[in-house]
């Protein structure tokens, strides 16, 4: 890869990769479980998340997919 290697890591906020002054944070199954447990423990009404691959200007379809995903997260045992 041009400009050096990407270095991966994990901190209290979740996993990330970085190279020089570029940083990309993301969620993996572990970080999603931790965040979902926090939302439940705090009695929050829900969470908001976004993914660049959902940013395709098909807003209605994406909102439906988003709520189906949240329903799965919160109703899963």
PDB file of N, CA and C in Angstrom:
ATOM      1  N   UNK A   1       0.834  -1.178   0.000  1.00  0.00           N
ATOM      2  CA  UNK A   1       0.000   0.000   0.000  1.00  0.00           C
ATOM      3  C   UNK A   1       0.880   1.242   0.000  1.00  0.00           C
ATOM      4  N   UNK A   2       0.537   2.196  -0.783  1.00  0.00           N
ATOM      5  CA  UNK A   2       1.303   3.431  -0.841  1.00  0.00           C
ATOM      6  C   UNK A   2       1.200   4.195   0.466  1.00  0.00           C
ATOM      7  N   UNK A   3       2.314   4.794   0.904  1.00  0.00           N
ATOM      8  CA  UNK A   3       2.277   5.630   2.094  1.00  0.00           C
ATOM      9  C   UNK A   3       2.423   4.864   3.396  1.00  0.00           C
ATOM     10  N   UNK A   4       2.821   3.598   3.363  1.00  0.00           N
ATOM     11  CA  UNK A   4       3.019   2.841   4.587  1.00  0.00           C
ATOM     12  C   UNK A   4       1.891   1.875   4.864  1.00  0.00           C
ATOM     13  N   UNK A   5       2.104   1.111   5.906  1.00  0.00           N
ATOM     14  CA  UNK A   5       1.139   0.081   6.284  1.00  0.00           C
ATOM     15  C   UNK A   5       0.038   0.639   7.175  1.00  0.00           C
ATOM     16  N   UNK A   6      -1.116   0.035   7.083  1.00  0.00           N
ATOM     17  CA  UNK A   6      -2.202   0.351   7.996  1.00  0.00           C
ATOM     18  C   UNK A   6      -1.963  -0.430   9.277  1.00  0.00           C
ATOM     19  N   UNK A   7      -2.148   0.217  10.403  1.00  0.00           N
ATOM     20  CA  UNK A   7      -1.978  -0.406  11.710  1.00  0.00           C
ATOM     21  C   UNK A   7      -3.356  -0.529  12.349  1.00  0.00           C
ATOM     22  N   UNK A   8      -3.691  -1.730  12.793  1.00  0.00           N
ATOM     23  CA  UNK A   8      -4.998  -1.920  13.428  1.00  0.00           C
ATOM     24  C   UNK A   8      -4.845  -1.918  14.936  1.00  0.00           C
ATOM     25  N   UNK A   9      -5.925  -1.565  15.607  1.00  0.00           N
ATOM     26  CA  UNK A   9      -5.908  -1.547  17.055  1.00  0.00           C
ATOM     27  C   UNK A   9      -7.315  -1.523  17.605  1.00  0.00           C
ATOM     28  N   UNK A  10      -7.398  -1.479  18.922  1.00  0.00           N
ATOM     29  CA  UNK A  10      -8.679  -1.414  19.611  1.00  0.00           C
ATOM     30  C   UNK A  10      -8.455  -0.590  20.866  1.00  0.00           C
ATOM     31  N   UNK A  11      -9.382   0.329  21.130  1.00  0.00           N
ATOM     32  CA  UNK A  11      -9.343   1.072  22.379  1.00  0.00           C
ATOM     33  C   UNK A  11     -10.710   0.970  23.034  1.00  0.00           C
ATOM     34  N   UNK A  12     -10.956   1.763  24.071  1.00  0.00           N
ATOM     35  CA  UNK A  12     -12.233   1.666  24.784  1.00  0.00           C
ATOM     36  C   UNK A  12     -13.423   2.037  23.914  1.00  0.00           C
ATOM     37  N   UNK A  13     -13.187   2.674  22.782  1.00  0.00           N
ATOM     38  CA  UNK A  13     -14.282   3.071  21.894  1.00  0.00           C
ATOM     39  C   UNK A  13     -14.516   2.073  20.768  1.00  0.00           C
ATOM     40  N   UNK A  14     -13.636   1.100  20.606  1.00  0.00           N
ATOM     41  CA  UNK A  14     -13.821   0.092  19.578  1.00  0.00           C
ATOM     42  C   UNK A  14     -12.606  -0.074  18.684  1.00  0.00           C
ATOM     43  N   UNK A  15     -12.752  -0.861  17.623  1.00  0.00           N
ATOM     44  CA  UNK A  15     -11.636  -1.131  16.727  1.00  0.00           C
ATOM     45  C   UNK A  15     -11.385   0.029  15.761  1.00  0.00           C
ATOM     46  N   UNK A  16     -10.156   0.093  15.258  1.00  0.00           N
ATOM     47  CA  UNK A  16      -9.786   1.129  14.306  1.00  0.00           C
ATOM     48  C   UNK A  16      -8.574   0.671  13.495  1.00  0.00           C
ATOM     49  N   UNK A  17      -8.334   1.351  12.397  1.00  0.00           N
ATOM     50  CA  UNK A  17      -7.092   1.220  11.637  1.00  0.00           C
ATOM     51  C   UNK A  17      -6.567   2.622  11.397  1.00  0.00           C
ATOM     52  N   UNK A  18      -5.255   2.756  11.339  1.00  0.00           N
ATOM     53  CA  UNK A  18      -4.678   4.073  11.094  1.00  0.00           C
ATOM     54  C   UNK A  18      -3.411   3.941  10.271  1.00  0.00           C
ATOM     55  N   UNK A  19      -3.107   5.031   9.572  1.00  0.00           N
ATOM     56  CA  UNK A  19      -1.885   5.142   8.785  1.00  0.00           C
ATOM     57  C   UNK A  19      -1.546   6.614   8.732  1.00  0.00           C
ATOM     58  N   UNK A  20      -0.432   6.980   9.336  1.00  0.00           N
ATOM     59  CA  UNK A  20      -0.055   8.386   9.354  1.00  0.00           C
ATOM     60  C   UNK A  20      -1.132   9.200  10.049  1.00  0.00           C
ATOM     61  N   UNK A  21      -1.645  10.219   9.368  1.00  0.00           N
ATOM     62  CA  UNK A  21      -2.695  11.067   9.960  1.00  0.00           C
ATOM     63  C   UNK A  21      -4.107  10.622   9.567  1.00  0.00           C
ATOM     64  N   UNK A  22      -4.235   9.441   8.959  1.00  0.00           N
ATOM     65  CA  UNK A  22      -5.544   8.914   8.575  1.00  0.00           C
ATOM     66  C   UNK A  22      -5.994   7.885   9.607  1.00  0.00           C
ATOM     67  N   UNK A  23      -7.266   7.970   9.999  1.00  0.00           N
ATOM     68  CA  UNK A  23      -7.813   7.095  11.021  1.00  0.00           C
ATOM     69  C   UNK A  23      -9.209   6.669  10.610  1.00  0.00           C
ATOM     70  N   UNK A  24      -9.519   5.382  10.739  1.00  0.00           N
ATOM     71  CA  UNK A  24     -10.843   4.861  10.410  1.00  0.00           C
ATOM     72  C   UNK A  24     -11.325   4.030  11.587  1.00  0.00           C
ATOM     73  N   UNK A  25     -12.430   4.453  12.193  1.00  0.00           N
ATOM     74  CA  UNK A  25     -13.061   3.680  13.250  1.00  0.00           C
ATOM     75  C   UNK A  25     -14.231   2.907  12.679  1.00  0.00           C
ATOM     76  N   UNK A  26     -14.499   1.762  13.236  1.00  0.00           N
ATOM     77  CA  UNK A  26     -15.606   0.937  12.750  1.00  0.00           C
ATOM     78  C   UNK A  26     -16.124   0.075  13.891  1.00  0.00           C
ATOM     79  N   UNK A  27     -17.233  -0.565  13.682  1.00  0.00           N
ATOM     80  CA  UNK A  27     -17.782  -1.485  14.671  1.00  0.00           C
ATOM     81  C   UNK A  27     -17.644  -2.907  14.187  1.00  0.00           C
ATOM     82  N   UNK A  28     -17.332  -3.781  15.105  1.00  0.00           N
ATOM     83  CA  UNK A  28     -17.293  -5.215  14.837  1.00  0.00           C
ATOM     84  C   UNK A  28     -18.307  -5.865  15.777  1.00  0.00           C
ATOM     85  N   UNK A  29     -18.508  -7.178  15.690  1.00  0.00           N
ATOM     86  CA  UNK A  29     -19.515  -7.810  16.553  1.00  0.00           C
ATOM     87  C   UNK A  29     -19.311  -7.534  18.048  1.00  0.00           C
ATOM     88  N   UNK A  30     -18.077  -7.469  18.498  1.00  0.00           N
ATOM     89  CA  UNK A  30     -17.808  -7.210  19.916  1.00  0.00           C
ATOM     90  C   UNK A  30     -18.239  -5.804  20.305  1.00  0.00           C
ATOM     91  N   UNK A  31     -17.871  -4.800  19.519  1.00  0.00           N
ATOM     92  CA  UNK A  31     -18.225  -3.423  19.866  1.00  0.00           C
ATOM     93  C   UNK A  31     -19.735  -3.192  19.775  1.00  0.00           C
ATOM     94  N   UNK A  32     -20.420  -3.855  18.851  1.00  0.00           N
ATOM     95  CA  UNK A  32     -21.877  -3.720  18.749  1.00  0.00           C
ATOM     96  C   UNK A  32     -22.537  -4.305  19.998  1.00  0.00           C
ATOM     97  N   UNK A  33     -22.054  -5.458  20.472  1.00  0.00           N
ATOM     98  CA  UNK A  33     -22.609  -6.054  21.686  1.00  0.00           C
ATOM     99  C   UNK A  33     -22.388  -5.147  22.894  1.00  0.00           C
ATOM    100  N   UNK A  34     -21.202  -4.562  23.016  1.00  0.00           N
ATOM    101  CA  UNK A  34     -20.903  -3.662  24.129  1.00  0.00           C
ATOM    102  C   UNK A  34     -21.813  -2.438  24.083  1.00  0.00           C
ATOM    103  N   UNK A  35     -21.957  -1.840  22.911  1.00  0.00           N
ATOM    104  CA  UNK A  35     -22.787  -0.640  22.779  1.00  0.00           C
ATOM    105  C   UNK A  35     -24.257  -0.950  23.015  1.00  0.00           C
ATOM    106  N   UNK A  36     -24.733  -2.100  22.540  1.00  0.00           N
ATOM    107  CA  UNK A  36     -26.118  -2.499  22.756  1.00  0.00           C
ATOM    108  C   UNK A  36     -26.386  -2.735  24.242  1.00  0.00           C
ATOM    109  N   UNK A  37     -25.444  -3.367  24.939  1.00  0.00           N
ATOM    110  CA  UNK A  37     -25.591  -3.586  26.376  1.00  0.00           C
ATOM    111  C   UNK A  37     -25.653  -2.250  27.113  1.00  0.00           C
ATOM    112  N   UNK A  38     -24.853  -1.281  26.698  1.00  0.00           N
ATOM    113  CA  UNK A  38     -24.868   0.040  27.320  1.00  0.00           C
ATOM    114  C   UNK A  38     -26.224   0.721  27.124  1.00  0.00           C
ATOM    115  N   UNK A  39     -26.753   0.659  25.920  1.00  0.00           N
ATOM    116  CA  UNK A  39     -28.053   1.272  25.624  1.00  0.00           C
ATOM    117  C   UNK A  39     -29.139   0.648  26.501  1.00  0.00           C
ATOM    118  N   UNK A  40     -29.118  -0.671  26.607  1.00  0.00           N
ATOM    119  CA  UNK A  40     -30.107  -1.355  27.448  1.00  0.00           C
ATOM    120  C   UNK A  40     -29.930  -0.982  28.918  1.00  0.00           C
ATOM    121  N   UNK A  41     -28.695  -0.984  29.412  1.00  0.00           N
ATOM    122  CA  UNK A  41     -28.422  -0.687  30.821  1.00  0.00           C
ATOM    123  C   UNK A  41     -28.846   0.731  31.193  1.00  0.00           C
ATOM    124  N   UNK A  42     -28.699   1.660  30.265  1.00  0.00           N
ATOM    125  CA  UNK A  42     -29.060   3.054  30.527  1.00  0.00           C
ATOM    126  C   UNK A  42     -30.545   3.323  30.301  1.00  0.00           C
ATOM    127  N   UNK A  43     -31.267   2.330  29.774  1.00  0.00           N
ATOM    128  CA  UNK A  43     -32.695   2.497  29.515  1.00  0.00           C
ATOM    129  C   UNK A  43     -32.977   3.498  28.411  1.00  0.00           C
ATOM    130  N   UNK A  44     -32.062   3.616  27.460  1.00  0.00           N
ATOM    131  CA  UNK A  44     -32.234   4.561  26.361  1.00  0.00           C
ATOM    132  C   UNK A  44     -33.301   4.055  25.385  1.00  0.00           C
ATOM    133  N   UNK A  45     -33.864   4.964  24.627  1.00  0.00           N
ATOM    134  CA  UNK A  45     -34.924   4.620  23.697  1.00  0.00           C
ATOM    135  C   UNK A  45     -34.437   3.978  22.419  1.00  0.00           C
ATOM    136  N   UNK A  46     -33.174   4.036  22.142  1.00  0.00           N
ATOM    137  CA  UNK A  46     -32.643   3.456  20.917  1.00  0.00           C
ATOM    138  C   UNK A  46     -31.269   4.005  20.606  1.00  0.00           C
ATOM    139  N   UNK A  47     -30.787   3.645  19.449  1.00  0.00           N
ATOM    140  CA  UNK A  47     -29.477   4.108  19.001  1.00  0.00           C
ATOM    141  C   UNK A  47     -29.573   4.548  17.546  1.00  0.00           C
ATOM    142  N   UNK A  48     -28.593   5.279  17.115  1.00  0.00           N
ATOM    143  CA  UNK A  48     -28.506   5.699  15.729  1.00  0.00           C
ATOM    144  C   UNK A  48     -27.166   5.251  15.182  1.00  0.00           C
ATOM    145  N   UNK A  49     -27.183   4.733  13.987  1.00  0.00           N
ATOM    146  CA  UNK A  49     -25.933   4.337  13.352  1.00  0.00           C
ATOM    147  C   UNK A  49     -26.040   4.593  11.856  1.00  0.00           C
ATOM    148  N   UNK A  50     -24.909   4.694  11.230  1.00  0.00           N
ATOM    149  CA  UNK A  50     -24.892   4.955   9.796  1.00  0.00           C
ATOM    150  C   UNK A  50     -23.690   4.282   9.177  1.00  0.00           C
ATOM    151  N   UNK A  51     -23.834   3.901   7.969  1.00  0.00           N
ATOM    152  CA  UNK A  51     -22.761   3.279   7.225  1.00  0.00           C
ATOM    153  C   UNK A  51     -22.671   3.959   5.864  1.00  0.00           C
ATOM    154  N   UNK A  52     -21.469   4.226   5.428  1.00  0.00           N
ATOM    155  CA  UNK A  52     -21.305   4.895   4.135  1.00  0.00           C
ATOM    156  C   UNK A  52     -21.912   4.096   2.991  1.00  0.00           C
ATOM    157  N   UNK A  53     -21.905   2.765   3.108  1.00  0.00           N
ATOM    158  CA  UNK A  53     -22.494   1.982   2.016  1.00  0.00           C
ATOM    159  C   UNK A  53     -24.020   2.113   1.971  1.00  0.00           C
ATOM    160  N   UNK A  54     -24.639   2.659   3.030  1.00  0.00           N
ATOM    161  CA  UNK A  54     -26.071   2.931   2.993  1.00  0.00           C
ATOM    162  C   UNK A  54     -26.367   4.318   2.441  1.00  0.00           C
ATOM    163  N   UNK A  55     -25.350   5.124   2.232  1.00  0.00           N
ATOM    164  CA  UNK A  55     -25.513   6.502   1.784  1.00  0.00           C
ATOM    165  C   UNK A  55     -25.617   6.539   0.265  1.00  0.00           C
ATOM    166  N   UNK A  56     -26.731   5.990  -0.246  1.00  0.00           N
ATOM    167  CA  UNK A  56     -26.892   5.888  -1.696  1.00  0.00           C
ATOM    168  C   UNK A  56     -28.108   6.667  -2.201  1.00  0.00           C
ATOM    169  N   UNK A  57     -28.624   7.564  -1.373  1.00  0.00           N
ATOM    170  CA  UNK A  57     -29.734   8.428  -1.735  1.00  0.00           C
ATOM    171  C   UNK A  57     -31.060   7.695  -1.894  1.00  0.00           C
ATOM    172  N   UNK A  58     -31.117   6.461  -1.461  1.00  0.00           N
ATOM    173  CA  UNK A  58     -32.391   5.741  -1.434  1.00  0.00           C
ATOM    174  C   UNK A  58     -32.883   5.761   0.012  1.00  0.00           C
ATOM    175  N   UNK A  59     -33.247   6.937   0.467  1.00  0.00           N
ATOM    176  CA  UNK A  59     -33.501   7.189   1.880  1.00  0.00           C
ATOM    177  C   UNK A  59     -34.543   6.252   2.481  1.00  0.00           C
ATOM    178  N   UNK A  60     -35.658   6.075   1.842  1.00  0.00           N
ATOM    179  CA  UNK A  60     -36.736   5.265   2.412  1.00  0.00           C
ATOM    180  C   UNK A  60     -36.280   3.825   2.614  1.00  0.00           C
ATOM    181  N   UNK A  61     -35.643   3.238   1.623  1.00  0.00           N
ATOM    182  CA  UNK A  61     -35.165   1.862   1.751  1.00  0.00           C
ATOM    183  C   UNK A  61     -34.140   1.752   2.869  1.00  0.00           C
ATOM    184  N   UNK A  62     -33.264   2.728   2.983  1.00  0.00           N
ATOM    185  CA  UNK A  62     -32.238   2.688   4.018  1.00  0.00           C
ATOM    186  C   UNK A  62     -32.844   2.823   5.406  1.00  0.00           C
ATOM    187  N   UNK A  63     -33.832   3.680   5.555  1.00  0.00           N
ATOM    188  CA  UNK A  63     -34.480   3.833   6.861  1.00  0.00           C
ATOM    189  C   UNK A  63     -35.167   2.526   7.247  1.00  0.00           C
ATOM    190  N   UNK A  64     -35.836   1.886   6.308  1.00  0.00           N
ATOM    191  CA  UNK A  64     -36.469   0.603   6.601  1.00  0.00           C
ATOM    192  C   UNK A  64     -35.434  -0.434   7.013  1.00  0.00           C
ATOM    193  N   UNK A  65     -34.325  -0.525   6.300  1.00  0.00           N
ATOM    194  CA  UNK A  65     -33.260  -1.462   6.627  1.00  0.00           C
ATOM    195  C   UNK A  65     -32.697  -1.154   8.009  1.00  0.00           C
ATOM    196  N   UNK A  66     -32.526   0.125   8.311  1.00  0.00           N
ATOM    197  CA  UNK A  66     -32.011   0.558   9.606  1.00  0.00           C
ATOM    198  C   UNK A  66     -32.907   0.061  10.738  1.00  0.00           C
ATOM    199  N   UNK A  67     -34.215   0.261  10.629  1.00  0.00           N
ATOM    200  CA  UNK A  67     -35.111  -0.140  11.697  1.00  0.00           C
ATOM    201  C   UNK A  67     -35.236  -1.654  11.807  1.00  0.00           C
ATOM    202  N   UNK A  68     -35.164  -2.351  10.708  1.00  0.00           N
ATOM    203  CA  UNK A  68     -35.161  -3.818  10.753  1.00  0.00           C
ATOM    204  C   UNK A  68     -33.901  -4.290  11.475  1.00  0.00           C
ATOM    205  N   UNK A  69     -32.767  -3.660  11.213  1.00  0.00           N
ATOM    206  CA  UNK A  69     -31.516  -4.028  11.880  1.00  0.00           C
ATOM    207  C   UNK A  69     -31.607  -3.768  13.370  1.00  0.00           C
ATOM    208  N   UNK A  70     -32.151  -2.621  13.772  1.00  0.00           N
ATOM    209  CA  UNK A  70     -32.284  -2.308  15.194  1.00  0.00           C
ATOM    210  C   UNK A  70     -33.221  -3.286  15.882  1.00  0.00           C
ATOM    211  N   UNK A  71     -34.308  -3.636  15.211  1.00  0.00           N
ATOM    212  CA  UNK A  71     -35.253  -4.583  15.785  1.00  0.00           C
ATOM    213  C   UNK A  71     -34.547  -5.907  16.045  1.00  0.00           C
ATOM    214  N   UNK A  72     -33.720  -6.343  15.119  1.00  0.00           N
ATOM    215  CA  UNK A  72     -32.973  -7.593  15.279  1.00  0.00           C
ATOM    216  C   UNK A  72     -32.014  -7.484  16.466  1.00  0.00           C
ATOM    217  N   UNK A  73     -31.300  -6.360  16.594  1.00  0.00           N
ATOM    218  CA  UNK A  73     -30.351  -6.194  17.690  1.00  0.00           C
ATOM    219  C   UNK A  73     -31.026  -6.240  19.051  1.00  0.00           C
ATOM    220  N   UNK A  74     -32.160  -5.564  19.175  1.00  0.00           N
ATOM    221  CA  UNK A  74     -32.792  -5.448  20.483  1.00  0.00           C
ATOM    222  C   UNK A  74     -33.684  -6.627  20.828  1.00  0.00           C
ATOM    223  N   UNK A  75     -34.154  -7.355  19.862  1.00  0.00           N
ATOM    224  CA  UNK A  75     -35.015  -8.479  20.150  1.00  0.00           C
ATOM    225  C   UNK A  75     -34.259  -9.802  20.176  1.00  0.00           C
ATOM    226  N   UNK A  76     -33.015  -9.788  19.729  1.00  0.00           N
ATOM    227  CA  UNK A  76     -32.206 -11.010  19.752  1.00  0.00           C
ATOM    228  C   UNK A  76     -31.887 -11.370  21.209  1.00  0.00           C
ATOM    229  N   UNK A  77     -31.920 -12.646  21.540  1.00  0.00           N
ATOM    230  CA  UNK A  77     -31.639 -13.064  22.933  1.00  0.00           C
ATOM    231  C   UNK A  77     -30.211 -12.765  23.351  1.00  0.00           C
TER     232      UNK A  77
END
